[in-house]
Amino acid sequence: GTIDTPPNRADMPKADTSRWVTPAQVAEV
């Protein structure tokens, strides 16, 4: 889904980021 990165946070400042996945979480899968 939406990956929690600085560019995504900057592009979507009003988004609820509480369920975004980190790059590390995707890598774990």
PDB file of all heavy atoms in Angstrom:
ATOM      1  N   GLY A   1       0.860  -1.177   0.000  1.00  0.00           N
ATOM      2  CA  GLY A   1       0.000   0.000   0.000  1.00  0.00           C
ATOM      3  C   GLY A   1       0.896   1.227   0.000  1.00  0.00           C
ATOM      4  O   GLY A   1       2.006   1.209  -0.538  1.00  0.00           O
ATOM      5  N   THR A   2       0.445   2.267   0.635  1.00  0.00           N
ATOM      6  CA  THR A   2       1.267   3.464   0.712  1.00  0.00           C
ATOM      7  C   THR A   2       2.449   3.191   1.634  1.00  0.00           C
ATOM      8  O   THR A   2       2.274   2.759   2.766  1.00  0.00           O
ATOM      9  CB  THR A   2       0.452   4.657   1.245  1.00  0.00           C
ATOM     10  OG1 THR A   2      -0.694   4.828   0.419  1.00  0.00           O
ATOM     11  CG2 THR A   2       1.279   5.930   1.232  1.00  0.00           C
ATOM     12  N   ILE A   3       3.628   3.436   1.112  1.00  0.00           N
ATOM     13  CA  ILE A   3       4.840   3.180   1.878  1.00  0.00           C
ATOM     14  C   ILE A   3       5.228   4.463   2.600  1.00  0.00           C
ATOM     15  O   ILE A   3       5.238   5.552   2.018  1.00  0.00           O
ATOM     16  CB  ILE A   3       5.972   2.678   0.959  1.00  0.00           C
ATOM     17  CG1 ILE A   3       5.527   1.366   0.293  1.00  0.00           C
ATOM     18  CG2 ILE A   3       7.254   2.471   1.754  1.00  0.00           C
ATOM     19  CD1 ILE A   3       6.487   0.837  -0.740  1.00  0.00           C
ATOM     20  N   ASP A   4       5.530   4.316   3.877  1.00  0.00           N
ATOM     21  CA  ASP A   4       5.850   5.461   4.730  1.00  0.00           C
ATOM     22  C   ASP A   4       7.271   5.949   4.433  1.00  0.00           C
ATOM     23  O   ASP A   4       8.247   5.433   4.960  1.00  0.00           O
ATOM     24  CB  ASP A   4       5.716   5.072   6.204  1.00  0.00           C
ATOM     25  CG  ASP A   4       5.723   6.279   7.119  1.00  0.00           C
ATOM     26  OD1 ASP A   4       5.966   7.406   6.631  1.00  0.00           O
ATOM     27  OD2 ASP A   4       5.473   6.097   8.325  1.00  0.00           O
ATOM     28  N   THR A   5       7.348   6.931   3.554  1.00  0.00           N
ATOM     29  CA  THR A   5       8.623   7.539   3.193  1.00  0.00           C
ATOM     30  C   THR A   5       8.501   9.051   3.325  1.00  0.00           C
ATOM     31  O   THR A   5       7.384   9.595   3.260  1.00  0.00           O
ATOM     32  CB  THR A   5       9.015   7.202   1.740  1.00  0.00           C
ATOM     33  OG1 THR A   5       8.033   7.770   0.859  1.00  0.00           O
ATOM     34  CG2 THR A   5       9.130   5.700   1.518  1.00  0.00           C
ATOM     35  N   PRO A   6       9.602   9.745   3.479  1.00  0.00           N
ATOM     36  CA  PRO A   6       9.523  11.204   3.548  1.00  0.00           C
ATOM     37  C   PRO A   6       8.826  11.837   2.340  1.00  0.00           C
ATOM     38  O   PRO A   6       7.992  12.745   2.521  1.00  0.00           O
ATOM     39  CB  PRO A   6      10.989  11.642   3.673  1.00  0.00           C
ATOM     40  CG  PRO A   6      11.646  10.490   4.385  1.00  0.00           C
ATOM     41  CD  PRO A   6      10.966   9.269   3.803  1.00  0.00           C
ATOM     42  N   PRO A   7       9.100  11.401   1.101  1.00  0.00           N
ATOM     43  CA  PRO A   7       8.374  12.010  -0.023  1.00  0.00           C
ATOM     44  C   PRO A   7       6.860  11.788   0.039  1.00  0.00           C
ATOM     45  O   PRO A   7       6.086  12.697  -0.272  1.00  0.00           O
ATOM     46  CB  PRO A   7       8.979  11.320  -1.253  1.00  0.00           C
ATOM     47  CG  PRO A   7      10.346  10.899  -0.834  1.00  0.00           C
ATOM     48  CD  PRO A   7      10.191  10.519   0.617  1.00  0.00           C
ATOM     49  N   ASN A   8       6.426  10.576   0.453  1.00  0.00           N
ATOM     50  CA  ASN A   8       4.982  10.336   0.555  1.00  0.00           C
ATOM     51  C   ASN A   8       4.358  11.198   1.639  1.00  0.00           C
ATOM     52  O   ASN A   8       3.246  11.707   1.474  1.00  0.00           O
ATOM     53  CB  ASN A   8       4.695   8.857   0.809  1.00  0.00           C
ATOM     54  CG  ASN A   8       4.761   8.036  -0.456  1.00  0.00           C
ATOM     55  OD1 ASN A   8       4.703   8.575  -1.561  1.00  0.00           O
ATOM     56  ND2 ASN A   8       4.897   6.732  -0.309  1.00  0.00           N
ATOM     57  N   ARG A   9       5.050  11.366   2.748  1.00  0.00           N
ATOM     58  CA  ARG A   9       4.522  12.239   3.807  1.00  0.00           C
ATOM     59  C   ARG A   9       4.431  13.682   3.324  1.00  0.00           C
ATOM     60  O   ARG A   9       3.466  14.384   3.620  1.00  0.00           O
ATOM     61  CB  ARG A   9       5.386  12.143   5.064  1.00  0.00           C
ATOM     62  CG  ARG A   9       5.128  10.867   5.842  1.00  0.00           C
ATOM     63  CD  ARG A   9       5.965  10.823   7.118  1.00  0.00           C
ATOM     64  NE  ARG A   9       5.648   9.633   7.873  1.00  0.00           N
ATOM     65  CZ  ARG A   9       4.870   9.618   8.957  1.00  0.00           C
ATOM     66  NH1 ARG A   9       4.348  10.737   9.404  1.00  0.00           N
ATOM     67  NH2 ARG A   9       4.619   8.489   9.585  1.00  0.00           N
ATOM     68  N   ALA A  10       5.434  14.115   2.560  1.00  0.00           N
ATOM     69  CA  ALA A  10       5.422  15.491   2.040  1.00  0.00           C
ATOM     70  C   ALA A  10       4.309  15.689   1.012  1.00  0.00           C
ATOM     71  O   ALA A  10       3.661  16.741   0.987  1.00  0.00           O
ATOM     72  CB  ALA A  10       6.774  15.829   1.420  1.00  0.00           C
ATOM     73  N   ASP A  11       4.072  14.671   0.185  1.00  0.00           N
ATOM     74  CA  ASP A  11       3.049  14.778  -0.856  1.00  0.00           C
ATOM     75  C   ASP A  11       1.629  14.641  -0.322  1.00  0.00           C
ATOM     76  O   ASP A  11       0.682  15.076  -0.965  1.00  0.00           O
ATOM     77  CB  ASP A  11       3.272  13.716  -1.931  1.00  0.00           C
ATOM     78  CG  ASP A  11       4.492  13.998  -2.791  1.00  0.00           C
ATOM     79  OD1 ASP A  11       5.002  15.138  -2.758  1.00  0.00           O
ATOM     80  OD2 ASP A  11       4.930  13.065  -3.497  1.00  0.00           O
ATOM     81  N   MET A  12       1.481  13.997   0.851  1.00  0.00           N
ATOM     82  CA  MET A  12       0.149  13.762   1.425  1.00  0.00           C
ATOM     83  C   MET A  12       0.129  14.198   2.889  1.00  0.00           C
ATOM     84  O   MET A  12      -0.031  13.383   3.799  1.00  0.00           O
ATOM     85  CB  MET A  12      -0.214  12.275   1.293  1.00  0.00           C
ATOM     86  CG  MET A  12      -0.313  11.815  -0.133  1.00  0.00           C
ATOM     87  SD  MET A  12      -0.689  10.049  -0.282  1.00  0.00           S
ATOM     88  CE  MET A  12       0.971   9.367  -0.374  1.00  0.00           C
ATOM     89  N   PRO A  13       0.310  15.498   3.138  1.00  0.00           N
ATOM     90  CA  PRO A  13       0.451  15.978   4.521  1.00  0.00           C
ATOM     91  C   PRO A  13      -0.778  15.760   5.406  1.00  0.00           C
ATOM     92  O   PRO A  13      -0.649  15.710   6.624  1.00  0.00           O
ATOM     93  CB  PRO A  13       0.755  17.463   4.357  1.00  0.00           C
ATOM     94  CG  PRO A  13       0.200  17.828   3.023  1.00  0.00           C
ATOM     95  CD  PRO A  13       0.342  16.593   2.177  1.00  0.00           C
ATOM     96  N   LYS A  14      -1.950  15.619   4.823  1.00  0.00           N
ATOM     97  CA  LYS A  14      -3.168  15.447   5.620  1.00  0.00           C
ATOM     98  C   LYS A  14      -3.572  13.978   5.781  1.00  0.00           C
ATOM     99  O   LYS A  14      -4.577  13.675   6.415  1.00  0.00           O
ATOM    100  CB  LYS A  14      -4.322  16.227   4.990  1.00  0.00           C
ATOM    101  CG  LYS A  14      -4.096  17.725   4.994  1.00  0.00           C
ATOM    102  CD  LYS A  14      -5.248  18.454   4.371  1.00  0.00           C
ATOM    103  CE  LYS A  14      -4.962  19.941   4.363  1.00  0.00           C
ATOM    104  NZ  LYS A  14      -6.041  20.695   3.737  1.00  0.00           N
ATOM    105  N   ALA A  15      -2.795  13.079   5.226  1.00  0.00           N
ATOM    106  CA  ALA A  15      -3.146  11.655   5.261  1.00  0.00           C
ATOM    107  C   ALA A  15      -2.950  11.075   6.656  1.00  0.00           C
ATOM    108  O   ALA A  15      -2.087  11.511   7.418  1.00  0.00           O
ATOM    109  CB  ALA A  15      -2.292  10.890   4.265  1.00  0.00           C
ATOM    110  N   ASP A  16      -3.757  10.082   6.964  1.00  0.00           N
ATOM    111  CA  ASP A  16      -3.584   9.309   8.195  1.00  0.00           C
ATOM    112  C   ASP A  16      -2.494   8.280   7.913  1.00  0.00           C
ATOM    113  O   ASP A  16      -2.707   7.318   7.184  1.00  0.00           O
ATOM    114  CB  ASP A  16      -4.891   8.623   8.568  1.00  0.00           C
ATOM    115  CG  ASP A  16      -4.755   7.703   9.771  1.00  0.00           C
ATOM    116  OD1 ASP A  16      -3.684   7.695  10.415  1.00  0.00           O
ATOM    117  OD2 ASP A  16      -5.731   6.994  10.060  1.00  0.00           O
ATOM    118  N   THR A  17      -1.344   8.484   8.495  1.00  0.00           N
ATOM    119  CA  THR A  17      -0.188   7.619   8.214  1.00  0.00           C
ATOM    120  C   THR A  17      -0.076   6.452   9.187  1.00  0.00           C
ATOM    121  O   THR A  17       0.868   5.674   9.102  1.00  0.00           O
ATOM    122  CB  THR A  17       1.110   8.440   8.269  1.00  0.00           C
ATOM    123  OG1 THR A  17       1.252   8.986   9.584  1.00  0.00           O
ATOM    124  CG2 THR A  17       1.098   9.563   7.252  1.00  0.00           C
ATOM    125  N   SER A  18      -1.035   6.308  10.072  1.00  0.00           N
ATOM    126  CA  SER A  18      -0.922   5.303  11.127  1.00  0.00           C
ATOM    127  C   SER A  18      -0.879   3.868  10.598  1.00  0.00           C
ATOM    128  O   SER A  18      -0.381   2.982  11.281  1.00  0.00           O
ATOM    129  CB  SER A  18      -2.073   5.444  12.127  1.00  0.00           C
ATOM    130  OG  SER A  18      -3.316   5.191  11.496  1.00  0.00           O
ATOM    131  N   ARG A  19      -1.379   3.625   9.399  1.00  0.00           N
ATOM    132  CA  ARG A  19      -1.390   2.264   8.860  1.00  0.00           C
ATOM    133  C   ARG A  19      -0.493   2.108   7.636  1.00  0.00           C
ATOM    134  O   ARG A  19      -0.498   1.072   6.989  1.00  0.00           O
ATOM    135  CB  ARG A  19      -2.819   1.853   8.542  1.00  0.00           C
ATOM    136  CG  ARG A  19      -3.683   1.904   9.807  1.00  0.00           C
ATOM    137  CD  ARG A  19      -5.035   1.375   9.567  1.00  0.00           C
ATOM    138  NE  ARG A  19      -5.024   0.020  10.107  1.00  0.00           N
ATOM    139  CZ  ARG A  19      -6.047  -0.788  10.063  1.00  0.00           C
ATOM    140  NH1 ARG A  19      -7.147  -0.421   9.478  1.00  0.00           N
ATOM    141  NH2 ARG A  19      -5.969  -1.985  10.592  1.00  0.00           N
ATOM    142  N   TRP A  20       0.249   3.140   7.310  1.00  0.00           N
ATOM    143  CA  TRP A  20       1.190   3.017   6.205  1.00  0.00           C
ATOM    144  C   TRP A  20       2.267   2.017   6.607  1.00  0.00           C
ATOM    145  O   TRP A  20       2.609   1.875   7.776  1.00  0.00           O
ATOM    146  CB  TRP A  20       1.841   4.348   5.896  1.00  0.00           C
ATOM    147  CG  TRP A  20       0.948   5.353   5.214  1.00  0.00           C
ATOM    148  CD1 TRP A  20      -0.391   5.248   4.987  1.00  0.00           C
ATOM    149  CD2 TRP A  20       1.342   6.608   4.703  1.00  0.00           C
ATOM    150  NE1 TRP A  20      -0.852   6.371   4.361  1.00  0.00           N
ATOM    151  CE2 TRP A  20       0.203   7.234   4.175  1.00  0.00           C
ATOM    152  CE3 TRP A  20       2.546   7.294   4.636  1.00  0.00           C
ATOM    153  CZ2 TRP A  20       0.228   8.477   3.573  1.00  0.00           C
ATOM    154  CZ3 TRP A  20       2.587   8.535   4.040  1.00  0.00           C
ATOM    155  CH2 TRP A  20       1.438   9.127   3.516  1.00  0.00           C
ATOM    156  N   VAL A  21       2.814   1.332   5.641  1.00  0.00           N
ATOM    157  CA  VAL A  21       3.857   0.363   5.920  1.00  0.00           C
ATOM    158  C   VAL A  21       5.227   0.979   5.642  1.00  0.00           C
ATOM    159  O   VAL A  21       5.371   1.817   4.759  1.00  0.00           O
ATOM    160  CB  VAL A  21       3.672  -0.938   5.106  1.00  0.00           C
ATOM    161  CG1 VAL A  21       2.417  -1.655   5.544  1.00  0.00           C
ATOM    162  CG2 VAL A  21       3.648  -0.669   3.617  1.00  0.00           C
ATOM    163  N   THR A  22       6.192   0.551   6.420  1.00  0.00           N
ATOM    164  CA  THR A  22       7.548   1.053   6.218  1.00  0.00           C
ATOM    165  C   THR A  22       8.245   0.209   5.150  1.00  0.00           C
ATOM    166  O   THR A  22       7.857  -0.938   4.899  1.00  0.00           O
ATOM    167  CB  THR A  22       8.367   0.978   7.522  1.00  0.00           C
ATOM    168  OG1 THR A  22       8.540  -0.402   7.870  1.00  0.00           O
ATOM    169  CG2 THR A  22       7.676   1.739   8.654  1.00  0.00           C
ATOM    170  N   PRO A  23       9.286   0.759   4.541  1.00  0.00           N
ATOM    171  CA  PRO A  23      10.057  -0.052   3.596  1.00  0.00           C
ATOM    172  C   PRO A  23      10.571  -1.337   4.255  1.00  0.00           C
ATOM    173  O   PRO A  23      10.589  -2.398   3.617  1.00  0.00           O
ATOM    174  CB  PRO A  23      11.203   0.872   3.187  1.00  0.00           C
ATOM    175  CG  PRO A  23      10.641   2.252   3.346  1.00  0.00           C
ATOM    176  CD  PRO A  23       9.753   2.151   4.569  1.00  0.00           C
ATOM    177  N   ALA A  24      10.961  -1.258   5.512  1.00  0.00           N
ATOM    178  CA  ALA A  24      11.461  -2.438   6.227  1.00  0.00           C
ATOM    179  C   ALA A  24      10.376  -3.504   6.368  1.00  0.00           C
ATOM    180  O   ALA A  24      10.656  -4.705   6.263  1.00  0.00           O
ATOM    181  CB  ALA A  24      11.996  -2.046   7.596  1.00  0.00           C
ATOM    182  N   GLN A  25       9.140  -3.098   6.581  1.00  0.00           N
ATOM    183  CA  GLN A  25       8.045  -4.061   6.707  1.00  0.00           C
ATOM    184  C   GLN A  25       7.776  -4.769   5.381  1.00  0.00           C
ATOM    185  O   GLN A  25       7.517  -5.973   5.355  1.00  0.00           O
ATOM    186  CB  GLN A  25       6.777  -3.371   7.227  1.00  0.00           C
ATOM    187  CG  GLN A  25       6.898  -2.948   8.677  1.00  0.00           C
ATOM    188  CD  GLN A  25       5.786  -2.002   9.101  1.00  0.00           C
ATOM    189  OE1 GLN A  25       5.320  -1.173   8.319  1.00  0.00           O
ATOM    190  NE2 GLN A  25       5.365  -2.130  10.352  1.00  0.00           N
ATOM    191  N   VAL A  26       7.851  -4.031   4.297  1.00  0.00           N
ATOM    192  CA  VAL A  26       7.686  -4.648   2.982  1.00  0.00           C
ATOM    193  C   VAL A  26       8.833  -5.629   2.736  1.00  0.00           C
ATOM    194  O   VAL A  26       8.624  -6.749   2.265  1.00  0.00           O
ATOM    195  CB  VAL A  26       7.610  -3.581   1.869  1.00  0.00           C
ATOM    196  CG1 VAL A  26       7.536  -4.239   0.496  1.00  0.00           C
ATOM    197  CG2 VAL A  26       6.417  -2.651   2.076  1.00  0.00           C
ATOM    198  N   ALA A  27      10.044  -5.222   3.093  1.00  0.00           N
ATOM    199  CA  ALA A  27      11.212  -6.094   2.923  1.00  0.00           C
ATOM    200  C   ALA A  27      11.078  -7.372   3.747  1.00  0.00           C
ATOM    201  O   ALA A  27      11.465  -8.460   3.283  1.00  0.00           O
ATOM    202  CB  ALA A  27      12.482  -5.347   3.306  1.00  0.00           C
ATOM    203  N   GLU A  28      10.515  -7.274   4.953  1.00  0.00           N
ATOM    204  CA  GLU A  28      10.313  -8.464   5.789  1.00  0.00           C
ATOM    205  C   GLU A  28       9.406  -9.475   5.105  1.00  0.00           C
ATOM    206  O   GLU A  28       9.649 -10.685   5.170  1.00  0.00           O
ATOM    207  CB  GLU A  28       9.713  -8.077   7.143  1.00  0.00           C
ATOM    208  CG  GLU A  28      10.676  -7.398   8.071  1.00  0.00           C
ATOM    209  CD  GLU A  28      10.000  -6.906   9.346  1.00  0.00           C
ATOM    210  OE1 GLU A  28       8.786  -7.135   9.529  1.00  0.00           O
ATOM    211  OE2 GLU A  28      10.696  -6.278  10.156  1.00  0.00           O
ATOM    212  N   VAL A  29       8.361  -8.997   4.458  1.00  0.00           N
ATOM    213  CA  VAL A  29       7.442  -9.888   3.755  1.00  0.00           C
ATOM    214  C   VAL A  29       8.167 -10.561   2.585  1.00  0.00           C
ATOM    215  O   VAL A  29       8.037 -11.772   2.367  1.00  0.00           O
ATOM    216  CB  VAL A  29       6.196  -9.121   3.265  1.00  0.00           C
ATOM    217  CG1 VAL A  29       5.347  -9.979   2.343  1.00  0.00           C
ATOM    218  CG2 VAL A  29       5.389  -8.621   4.446  1.00  0.00           C
TER     219      VAL A  29
END
